Amino acid sequence: MATKKVTVTIPEDLLDEIRAEAAERGLSAYVAEALRFKRDRDRLLELVDWLQEEHGPVTEDERAAARAELEDLDAEHERRHTTGGHNPGEAA
């Protein structure tokens, strides 16, 4: 992947913290990952805005249903992680 060197200004205390956390990966990799995360989050927020314009705001019942589904998925993920796989006949 092509890269390009840029100059940015970052508060010194933040830079010190980032350098400590980025240690082995390196500052450039850490910053690139953070920028990708921010870009992806911004795109998701744009999608949420568009969906709410098209379909109206999300209701509390819809939020609760989504949270319950995520909890079920997390529980299944944990089950597969601790047992080392999925049940025979079940989708991978």
PDB file of N, CA and C in Angstrom:
ATOM      1  N   MET A   1       0.840  -1.165   0.000  1.00  0.00           N
ATOM      2  CA  MET A   1       0.000   0.000   0.000  1.00  0.00           C
ATOM      3  C   MET A   1       0.890   1.234   0.000  1.00  0.00           C
ATOM      4  N   ALA A   2       0.538   2.164  -0.812  1.00  0.00           N
ATOM      5  CA  ALA A   2       1.302   3.407  -0.877  1.00  0.00           C
ATOM      6  C   ALA A   2       1.047   4.237   0.368  1.00  0.00           C
ATOM      7  N   THR A   3       2.065   4.930   0.803  1.00  0.00           N
ATOM      8  CA  THR A   3       1.928   5.807   1.962  1.00  0.00           C
ATOM      9  C   THR A   3       2.438   7.187   1.593  1.00  0.00           C
ATOM     10  N   LYS A   4       2.072   8.153   2.397  1.00  0.00           N
ATOM     11  CA  LYS A   4       2.528   9.514   2.168  1.00  0.00           C
ATOM     12  C   LYS A   4       2.813  10.137   3.527  1.00  0.00           C
ATOM     13  N   LYS A   5       3.916  10.796   3.634  1.00  0.00           N
ATOM     14  CA  LYS A   5       4.307  11.442   4.874  1.00  0.00           C
ATOM     15  C   LYS A   5       3.581  12.781   4.978  1.00  0.00           C
ATOM     16  N   VAL A   6       3.016  13.060   6.165  1.00  0.00           N
ATOM     17  CA  VAL A   6       2.332  14.324   6.418  1.00  0.00           C
ATOM     18  C   VAL A   6       2.803  14.867   7.765  1.00  0.00           C
ATOM     19  N   THR A   7       2.535  16.126   7.978  1.00  0.00           N
ATOM     20  CA  THR A   7       2.855  16.753   9.251  1.00  0.00           C
ATOM     21  C   THR A   7       1.551  17.132   9.933  1.00  0.00           C
ATOM     22  N   VAL A   8       1.418  16.748  11.194  1.00  0.00           N
ATOM     23  CA  VAL A   8       0.239  17.113  11.979  1.00  0.00           C
ATOM     24  C   VAL A   8       0.704  17.678  13.311  1.00  0.00           C
ATOM     25  N   THR A   9      -0.162  18.449  13.927  1.00  0.00           N
ATOM     26  CA  THR A   9       0.132  19.004  15.245  1.00  0.00           C
ATOM     27  C   THR A   9      -0.760  18.315  16.258  1.00  0.00           C
ATOM     28  N   ILE A  10      -0.119  17.746  17.294  1.00  0.00           N
ATOM     29  CA  ILE A  10      -0.836  16.985  18.321  1.00  0.00           C
ATOM     30  C   ILE A  10      -0.400  17.520  19.681  1.00  0.00           C
ATOM     31  N   PRO A  11      -1.337  17.707  20.610  1.00  0.00           N
ATOM     32  CA  PRO A  11      -0.930  18.142  21.946  1.00  0.00           C
ATOM     33  C   PRO A  11       0.131  17.190  22.522  1.00  0.00           C
ATOM     34  N   GLU A  12       1.137  17.770  23.147  1.00  0.00           N
ATOM     35  CA  GLU A  12       2.285  16.999  23.611  1.00  0.00           C
ATOM     36  C   GLU A  12       1.900  15.874  24.570  1.00  0.00           C
ATOM     37  N   ASP A  13       0.987  16.140  25.515  1.00  0.00           N
ATOM     38  CA  ASP A  13       0.599  15.105  26.467  1.00  0.00           C
ATOM     39  C   ASP A  13      -0.089  13.930  25.771  1.00  0.00           C
ATOM     40  N   LEU A  14      -0.913  14.240  24.766  1.00  0.00           N
ATOM     41  CA  LEU A  14      -1.568  13.183  24.007  1.00  0.00           C
ATOM     42  C   LEU A  14      -0.544  12.373  23.218  1.00  0.00           C
ATOM     43  N   LEU A  15       0.393  13.051  22.604  1.00  0.00           N
ATOM     44  CA  LEU A  15       1.440  12.367  21.843  1.00  0.00           C
ATOM     45  C   LEU A  15       2.238  11.415  22.733  1.00  0.00           C
ATOM     46  N   ASP A  16       2.567  11.860  23.949  1.00  0.00           N
ATOM     47  CA  ASP A  16       3.296  10.994  24.880  1.00  0.00           C
ATOM     48  C   ASP A  16       2.496   9.731  25.197  1.00  0.00           C
ATOM     49  N   GLU A  17       1.202   9.893  25.444  1.00  0.00           N
ATOM     50  CA  GLU A  17       0.340   8.737  25.738  1.00  0.00           C
ATOM     51  C   GLU A  17       0.269   7.787  24.542  1.00  0.00           C
ATOM     52  N   ILE A  18       0.097   8.358  23.352  1.00  0.00           N
ATOM     53  CA  ILE A  18      -0.015   7.534  22.145  1.00  0.00           C
ATOM     54  C   ILE A  18       1.282   6.783  21.882  1.00  0.00           C
ATOM     55  N   ARG A  19       2.401   7.446  22.023  1.00  0.00           N
ATOM     56  CA  ARG A  19       3.692   6.774  21.808  1.00  0.00           C
ATOM     57  C   ARG A  19       3.859   5.606  22.771  1.00  0.00           C
ATOM     58  N   ALA A  20       3.439   5.784  24.017  1.00  0.00           N
ATOM     59  CA  ALA A  20       3.546   4.710  25.005  1.00  0.00           C
ATOM     60  C   ALA A  20       2.652   3.535  24.614  1.00  0.00           C
ATOM     61  N   GLU A  21       1.440   3.815  24.142  1.00  0.00           N
ATOM     62  CA  GLU A  21       0.512   2.747  23.759  1.00  0.00           C
ATOM     63  C   GLU A  21       0.902   2.102  22.432  1.00  0.00           C
ATOM     64  N   ALA A  22       1.446   2.873  21.532  1.00  0.00           N
ATOM     65  CA  ALA A  22       1.757   2.382  20.190  1.00  0.00           C
ATOM     66  C   ALA A  22       3.061   1.600  20.130  1.00  0.00           C
ATOM     67  N   ALA A  23       3.849   1.673  21.160  1.00  0.00           N
ATOM     68  CA  ALA A  23       5.210   1.131  21.249  1.00  0.00           C
ATOM     69  C   ALA A  23       5.627   0.207  20.114  1.00  0.00           C
ATOM     70  N   GLU A  24       5.207  -1.048  20.127  1.00  0.00           N
ATOM     71  CA  GLU A  24       5.701  -2.031  19.141  1.00  0.00           C
ATOM     72  C   GLU A  24       5.141  -1.808  17.741  1.00  0.00           C
ATOM     73  N   ARG A  25       3.892  -1.394  17.653  1.00  0.00           N
ATOM     74  CA  ARG A  25       3.285  -1.178  16.336  1.00  0.00           C
ATOM     75  C   ARG A  25       3.884   0.031  15.645  1.00  0.00           C
ATOM     76  N   GLY A  26       4.232   1.013  16.425  1.00  0.00           N
ATOM     77  CA  GLY A  26       4.755   2.244  15.862  1.00  0.00           C
ATOM     78  C   GLY A  26       3.672   3.310  15.785  1.00  0.00           C
ATOM     79  N   LEU A  27       4.118   4.538  15.873  1.00  0.00           N
ATOM     80  CA  LEU A  27       3.207   5.674  15.882  1.00  0.00           C
ATOM     81  C   LEU A  27       2.400   5.773  14.592  1.00  0.00           C
ATOM     82  N   SER A  28       3.037   5.573  13.454  1.00  0.00           N
ATOM     83  CA  SER A  28       2.320   5.696  12.172  1.00  0.00           C
ATOM     84  C   SER A  28       1.196   4.673  12.055  1.00  0.00           C
ATOM     85  N   ALA A  29       1.462   3.437  12.431  1.00  0.00           N
ATOM     86  CA  ALA A  29       0.435   2.395  12.364  1.00  0.00           C
ATOM     87  C   ALA A  29      -0.713   2.712  13.317  1.00  0.00           C
ATOM     88  N   TYR A  30      -0.377   3.186  14.508  1.00  0.00           N
ATOM     89  CA  TYR A  30      -1.395   3.534  15.497  1.00  0.00           C
ATOM     90  C   TYR A  30      -2.295   4.649  14.973  1.00  0.00           C
ATOM     91  N   VAL A  31      -1.676   5.691  14.443  1.00  0.00           N
ATOM     92  CA  VAL A  31      -2.448   6.835  13.939  1.00  0.00           C
ATOM     93  C   VAL A  31      -3.296   6.424  12.737  1.00  0.00           C
ATOM     94  N   ALA A  32      -2.736   5.623  11.829  1.00  0.00           N
ATOM     95  CA  ALA A  32      -3.502   5.170  10.663  1.00  0.00           C
ATOM     96  C   ALA A  32      -4.722   4.363  11.108  1.00  0.00           C
ATOM     97  N   GLU A  33      -4.538   3.487  12.098  1.00  0.00           N
ATOM     98  CA  GLU A  33      -5.654   2.687  12.603  1.00  0.00           C
ATOM     99  C   GLU A  33      -6.719   3.589  13.240  1.00  0.00           C
ATOM    100  N   ALA A  34      -6.284   4.586  14.006  1.00  0.00           N
ATOM    101  CA  ALA A  34      -7.225   5.509  14.642  1.00  0.00           C
ATOM    102  C   ALA A  34      -8.005   6.308  13.592  1.00  0.00           C
ATOM    103  N   LEU A  35      -7.322   6.732  12.544  1.00  0.00           N
ATOM    104  CA  LEU A  35      -7.999   7.487  11.482  1.00  0.00           C
ATOM    105  C   LEU A  35      -8.997   6.619  10.728  1.00  0.00           C
ATOM    106  N   ARG A  36      -8.633   5.354  10.475  1.00  0.00           N
ATOM    107  CA  ARG A  36      -9.584   4.448   9.818  1.00  0.00           C
ATOM    108  C   ARG A  36     -10.822   4.241  10.692  1.00  0.00           C
ATOM    109  N   PHE A  37     -10.599   4.055  12.000  1.00  0.00           N
ATOM    110  CA  PHE A  37     -11.702   3.872  12.930  1.00  0.00           C
ATOM    111  C   PHE A  37     -12.624   5.089  12.907  1.00  0.00           C
ATOM    112  N   LYS A  38     -12.040   6.278  12.955  1.00  0.00           N
ATOM    113  CA  LYS A  38     -12.826   7.514  12.934  1.00  0.00           C
ATOM    114  C   LYS A  38     -13.585   7.671  11.626  1.00  0.00           C
ATOM    115  N   ARG A  39     -12.916   7.375  10.517  1.00  0.00           N
ATOM    116  CA  ARG A  39     -13.584   7.459   9.206  1.00  0.00           C
ATOM    117  C   ARG A  39     -14.765   6.499   9.139  1.00  0.00           C
ATOM    118  N   ASP A  40     -14.557   5.254   9.598  1.00  0.00           N
ATOM    119  CA  ASP A  40     -15.629   4.258   9.569  1.00  0.00           C
ATOM    120  C   ASP A  40     -16.789   4.671  10.468  1.00  0.00           C
ATOM    121  N   ARG A  41     -16.476   5.221  11.632  1.00  0.00           N
ATOM    122  CA  ARG A  41     -17.527   5.682  12.546  1.00  0.00           C
ATOM    123  C   ARG A  41     -18.312   6.828  11.909  1.00  0.00           C
ATOM    124  N   ASP A  42     -17.624   7.769  11.278  1.00  0.00           N
ATOM    125  CA  ASP A  42     -18.314   8.870  10.603  1.00  0.00           C
ATOM    126  C   ASP A  42     -19.248   8.340   9.519  1.00  0.00           C
ATOM    127  N   ARG A  43     -18.799   7.359   8.767  1.00  0.00           N
ATOM    128  CA  ARG A  43     -19.646   6.781   7.713  1.00  0.00           C
ATOM    129  C   ARG A  43     -20.868   6.093   8.306  1.00  0.00           C
ATOM    130  N   LEU A  44     -20.677   5.399   9.424  1.00  0.00           N
ATOM    131  CA  LEU A  44     -21.819   4.754  10.078  1.00  0.00           C
ATOM    132  C   LEU A  44     -22.819   5.796  10.585  1.00  0.00           C
ATOM    133  N   LEU A  45     -22.317   6.886  11.135  1.00  0.00           N
ATOM    134  CA  LEU A  45     -23.219   7.944  11.599  1.00  0.00           C
ATOM    135  C   LEU A  45     -23.988   8.565  10.440  1.00  0.00           C
ATOM    136  N   GLU A  46     -23.331   8.709   9.280  1.00  0.00           N
ATOM    137  CA  GLU A  46     -24.036   9.203   8.091  1.00  0.00           C
ATOM    138  C   GLU A  46     -25.141   8.230   7.690  1.00  0.00           C
ATOM    139  N   LEU A  47     -24.849   6.934   7.763  1.00  0.00           N
ATOM    140  CA  LEU A  47     -25.856   5.924   7.433  1.00  0.00           C
ATOM    141  C   LEU A  47     -27.024   5.987   8.411  1.00  0.00           C
ATOM    142  N   VAL A  48     -26.730   6.112   9.700  1.00  0.00           N
ATOM    143  CA  VAL A  48     -27.790   6.220  10.707  1.00  0.00           C
ATOM    144  C   VAL A  48     -28.662   7.434  10.421  1.00  0.00           C
ATOM    145  N   ASP A  49     -28.039   8.572  10.129  1.00  0.00           N
ATOM    146  CA  ASP A  49     -28.803   9.782   9.809  1.00  0.00           C
ATOM    147  C   ASP A  49     -29.713   9.547   8.609  1.00  0.00           C
ATOM    148  N   TRP A  50     -29.180   8.938   7.572  1.00  0.00           N
ATOM    149  CA  TRP A  50     -29.969   8.688   6.360  1.00  0.00           C
ATOM    150  C   TRP A  50     -31.123   7.737   6.660  1.00  0.00           C
ATOM    151  N   LEU A  51     -30.826   6.658   7.406  1.00  0.00           N
ATOM    152  CA  LEU A  51     -31.882   5.690   7.729  1.00  0.00           C
ATOM    153  C   LEU A  51     -32.985   6.333   8.568  1.00  0.00           C
ATOM    154  N   GLN A  52     -32.601   7.212   9.488  1.00  0.00           N
ATOM    155  CA  GLN A  52     -33.619   7.870  10.306  1.00  0.00           C
ATOM    156  C   GLN A  52     -34.433   8.860   9.486  1.00  0.00           C
ATOM    157  N   GLU A  53     -33.804   9.488   8.499  1.00  0.00           N
ATOM    158  CA  GLU A  53     -34.569  10.369   7.604  1.00  0.00           C
ATOM    159  C   GLU A  53     -35.567   9.564   6.785  1.00  0.00           C
ATOM    160  N   GLU A  54     -35.151   8.392   6.334  1.00  0.00           N
ATOM    161  CA  GLU A  54     -36.015   7.547   5.492  1.00  0.00           C
ATOM    162  C   GLU A  54     -37.098   6.825   6.290  1.00  0.00           C
ATOM    163  N   HIS A  55     -36.759   6.356   7.506  1.00  0.00           N
ATOM    164  CA  HIS A  55     -37.660   5.459   8.244  1.00  0.00           C
ATOM    165  C   HIS A  55     -38.072   5.967   9.613  1.00  0.00           C
ATOM    166  N   GLY A  56     -37.606   7.141   9.992  1.00  0.00           N
ATOM    167  CA  GLY A  56     -37.933   7.689  11.304  1.00  0.00           C
ATOM    168  C   GLY A  56     -36.938   7.215  12.354  1.00  0.00           C
ATOM    169  N   PRO A  57     -37.001   7.833  13.527  1.00  0.00           N
ATOM    170  CA  PRO A  57     -36.056   7.481  14.584  1.00  0.00           C
ATOM    171  C   PRO A  57     -36.281   6.061  15.104  1.00  0.00           C
ATOM    172  N   VAL A  58     -35.242   5.492  15.666  1.00  0.00           N
ATOM    173  CA  VAL A  58     -35.312   4.155  16.247  1.00  0.00           C
ATOM    174  C   VAL A  58     -36.080   4.251  17.557  1.00  0.00           C
ATOM    175  N   THR A  59     -37.025   3.325  17.756  1.00  0.00           N
ATOM    176  CA  THR A  59     -37.814   3.329  18.989  1.00  0.00           C
ATOM    177  C   THR A  59     -37.059   2.606  20.097  1.00  0.00           C
ATOM    178  N   GLU A  60     -37.489   2.812  21.326  1.00  0.00           N
ATOM    179  CA  GLU A  60     -36.874   2.107  22.459  1.00  0.00           C
ATOM    180  C   GLU A  60     -37.061   0.603  22.329  1.00  0.00           C
ATOM    181  N   ASP A  61     -38.210   0.159  21.825  1.00  0.00           N
ATOM    182  CA  ASP A  61     -38.432  -1.283  21.622  1.00  0.00           C
ATOM    183  C   ASP A  61     -37.438  -1.848  20.612  1.00  0.00           C
ATOM    184  N   GLU A  62     -37.184  -1.110  19.533  1.00  0.00           N
ATOM    185  CA  GLU A  62     -36.211  -1.556  18.534  1.00  0.00           C
ATOM    186  C   GLU A  62     -34.805  -1.596  19.121  1.00  0.00           C
ATOM    187  N   ARG A  63     -34.465  -0.587  19.934  1.00  0.00           N
ATOM    188  CA  ARG A  63     -33.150  -0.572  20.602  1.00  0.00           C
ATOM    189  C   ARG A  63     -32.999  -1.785  21.521  1.00  0.00           C
ATOM    190  N   ALA A  64     -34.039  -2.059  22.311  1.00  0.00           N
ATOM    191  CA  ALA A  64     -33.998  -3.182  23.246  1.00  0.00           C
ATOM    192  C   ALA A  64     -33.862  -4.501  22.486  1.00  0.00           C
ATOM    193  N   ALA A  65     -34.569  -4.641  21.373  1.00  0.00           N
ATOM    194  CA  ALA A  65     -34.476  -5.866  20.568  1.00  0.00           C
ATOM    195  C   ALA A  65     -33.076  -6.026  19.985  1.00  0.00           C
ATOM    196  N   ALA A  66     -32.494  -4.925  19.525  1.00  0.00           N
ATOM    197  CA  ALA A  66     -31.137  -4.981  18.968  1.00  0.00           C
ATOM    198  C   ALA A  66     -30.125  -5.346  20.051  1.00  0.00           C
ATOM    199  N   ARG A  67     -30.268  -4.762  21.234  1.00  0.00           N
ATOM    200  CA  ARG A  67     -29.359  -5.096  22.339  1.00  0.00           C
ATOM    201  C   ARG A  67     -29.473  -6.571  22.714  1.00  0.00           C
ATOM    202  N   ALA A  68     -30.704  -7.073  22.764  1.00  0.00           N
ATOM    203  CA  ALA A  68     -30.916  -8.484  23.104  1.00  0.00           C
ATOM    204  C   ALA A  68     -30.271  -9.388  22.061  1.00  0.00           C
ATOM    205  N   GLU A  69     -30.404  -9.022  20.793  1.00  0.00           N
ATOM    206  CA  GLU A  69     -29.790  -9.819  19.724  1.00  0.00           C
ATOM    207  C   GLU A  69     -28.268  -9.788  19.835  1.00  0.00           C
ATOM    208  N   LEU A  70     -27.707  -8.619  20.132  1.00  0.00           N
ATOM    209  CA  LEU A  70     -26.258  -8.526  20.310  1.00  0.00           C
ATOM    210  C   LEU A  70     -25.796  -9.357  21.503  1.00  0.00           C
ATOM    211  N   GLU A  71     -26.552  -9.349  22.585  1.00  0.00           N
ATOM    212  CA  GLU A  71     -26.196 -10.167  23.752  1.00  0.00           C
ATOM    213  C   GLU A  71     -26.221 -11.647  23.393  1.00  0.00           C
ATOM    214  N   ASP A  72     -27.225 -12.066  22.608  1.00  0.00           N
ATOM    215  CA  ASP A  72     -27.291 -13.466  22.153  1.00  0.00           C
ATOM    216  C   ASP A  72     -26.078 -13.812  21.291  1.00  0.00           C
ATOM    217  N   LEU A  73     -25.713 -12.905  20.389  1.00  0.00           N
ATOM    218  CA  LEU A  73     -24.541 -13.143  19.543  1.00  0.00           C
ATOM    219  C   LEU A  73     -23.258 -13.205  20.365  1.00  0.00           C
ATOM    220  N   ASP A  74     -23.141 -12.309  21.345  1.00  0.00           N
ATOM    221  CA  ASP A  74     -21.971 -12.339  22.225  1.00  0.00           C
ATOM    222  C   ASP A  74     -21.905 -13.652  22.998  1.00  0.00           C
ATOM    223  N   ALA A  75     -23.039 -14.116  23.501  1.00  0.00           N
ATOM    224  CA  ALA A  75     -23.077 -15.371  24.247  1.00  0.00           C
ATOM    225  C   ALA A  75     -22.696 -16.541  23.343  1.00  0.00           C
ATOM    226  N   GLU A  76     -23.178 -16.543  22.111  1.00  0.00           N
ATOM    227  CA  GLU A  76     -22.828 -17.610  21.167  1.00  0.00           C
ATOM    228  C   GLU A  76     -21.346 -17.556  20.825  1.00  0.00           C
ATOM    229  N   HIS A  77     -20.823 -16.376  20.633  1.00  0.00           N
ATOM    230  CA  HIS A  77     -19.400 -16.225  20.351  1.00  0.00           C
ATOM    231  C   HIS A  77     -18.572 -16.768  21.514  1.00  0.00           C
ATOM    232  N   GLU A  78     -18.958 -16.424  22.725  1.00  0.00           N
ATOM    233  CA  GLU A  78     -18.238 -16.899  23.907  1.00  0.00           C
ATOM    234  C   GLU A  78     -18.334 -18.419  24.018  1.00  0.00           C
ATOM    235  N   ARG A  79     -19.524 -18.971  23.734  1.00  0.00           N
ATOM    236  CA  ARG A  79     -19.692 -20.426  23.785  1.00  0.00           C
ATOM    237  C   ARG A  79     -18.765 -21.098  22.783  1.00  0.00           C
ATOM    238  N   ARG A  80     -18.713 -20.565  21.557  1.00  0.00           N
ATOM    239  CA  ARG A  80     -17.846 -21.155  20.538  1.00  0.00           C
ATOM    240  C   ARG A  80     -16.370 -20.996  20.893  1.00  0.00           C
ATOM    241  N   HIS A  81     -16.036 -19.875  21.509  1.00  0.00           N
ATOM    242  CA  HIS A  81     -14.650 -19.626  21.899  1.00  0.00           C
ATOM    243  C   HIS A  81     -14.207 -20.615  22.977  1.00  0.00           C
ATOM    244  N   THR A  82     -15.077 -20.875  23.941  1.00  0.00           N
ATOM    245  CA  THR A  82     -14.701 -21.758  25.045  1.00  0.00           C
ATOM    246  C   THR A  82     -14.773 -23.229  24.666  1.00  0.00           C
ATOM    247  N   THR A  83     -15.637 -23.579  23.697  1.00  0.00           N
ATOM    248  CA  THR A  83     -15.746 -24.991  23.297  1.00  0.00           C
ATOM    249  C   THR A  83     -14.903 -25.309  22.075  1.00  0.00           C
ATOM    250  N   GLY A  84     -14.374 -24.285  21.434  1.00  0.00           N
ATOM    251  CA  GLY A  84     -13.487 -24.519  20.305  1.00  0.00           C
ATOM    252  C   GLY A  84     -14.179 -24.726  18.968  1.00  0.00           C
ATOM    253  N   GLY A  85     -15.396 -24.305  18.825  1.00  0.00           N
ATOM    254  CA  GLY A  85     -16.031 -24.427  17.511  1.00  0.00           C
ATOM    255  C   GLY A  85     -17.537 -24.347  17.584  1.00  0.00           C
ATOM    256  N   HIS A  86     -18.168 -24.897  16.548  1.00  0.00           N
ATOM    257  CA  HIS A  86     -19.619 -24.882  16.489  1.00  0.00           C
ATOM    258  C   HIS A  86     -20.135 -26.310  16.520  1.00  0.00           C
ATOM    259  N   ASN A  87     -21.435 -26.427  16.743  1.00  0.00           N
ATOM    260  CA  ASN A  87     -22.055 -27.746  16.784  1.00  0.00           C
ATOM    261  C   ASN A  87     -22.170 -28.340  15.390  1.00  0.00           C
ATOM    262  N   PRO A  88     -22.049 -29.682  15.260  1.00  0.00           N
ATOM    263  CA  PRO A  88     -22.217 -30.304  13.943  1.00  0.00           C
ATOM    264  C   PRO A  88     -23.592 -29.966  13.371  1.00  0.00           C
ATOM    265  N   GLY A  89     -23.650 -29.716  12.078  1.00  0.00           N
ATOM    266  CA  GLY A  89     -24.902 -29.408  11.406  1.00  0.00           C
ATOM    267  C   GLY A  89     -25.294 -27.945  11.496  1.00  0.00           C
ATOM    268  N   GLU A  90     -24.530 -27.165  12.245  1.00  0.00           N
ATOM    269  CA  GLU A  90     -24.804 -25.754  12.427  1.00  0.00           C
ATOM    270  C   GLU A  90     -23.928 -24.953  11.461  1.00  0.00           C
ATOM    271  N   ALA A  91     -24.438 -23.845  11.002  1.00  0.00           N
ATOM    272  CA  ALA A  91     -23.654 -22.998  10.093  1.00  0.00           C
ATOM    273  C   ALA A  91     -22.405 -22.516  10.811  1.00  0.00           C
ATOM    274  N   ALA A  92     -21.320 -22.419  10.070  1.00  0.00           N
ATOM    275  CA  ALA A  92     -20.053 -21.968  10.669  1.00  0.00           C
ATOM    276  C   ALA A  92     -20.060 -20.509  10.977  1.00  0.00           C
TER     277      ALA A  92
END
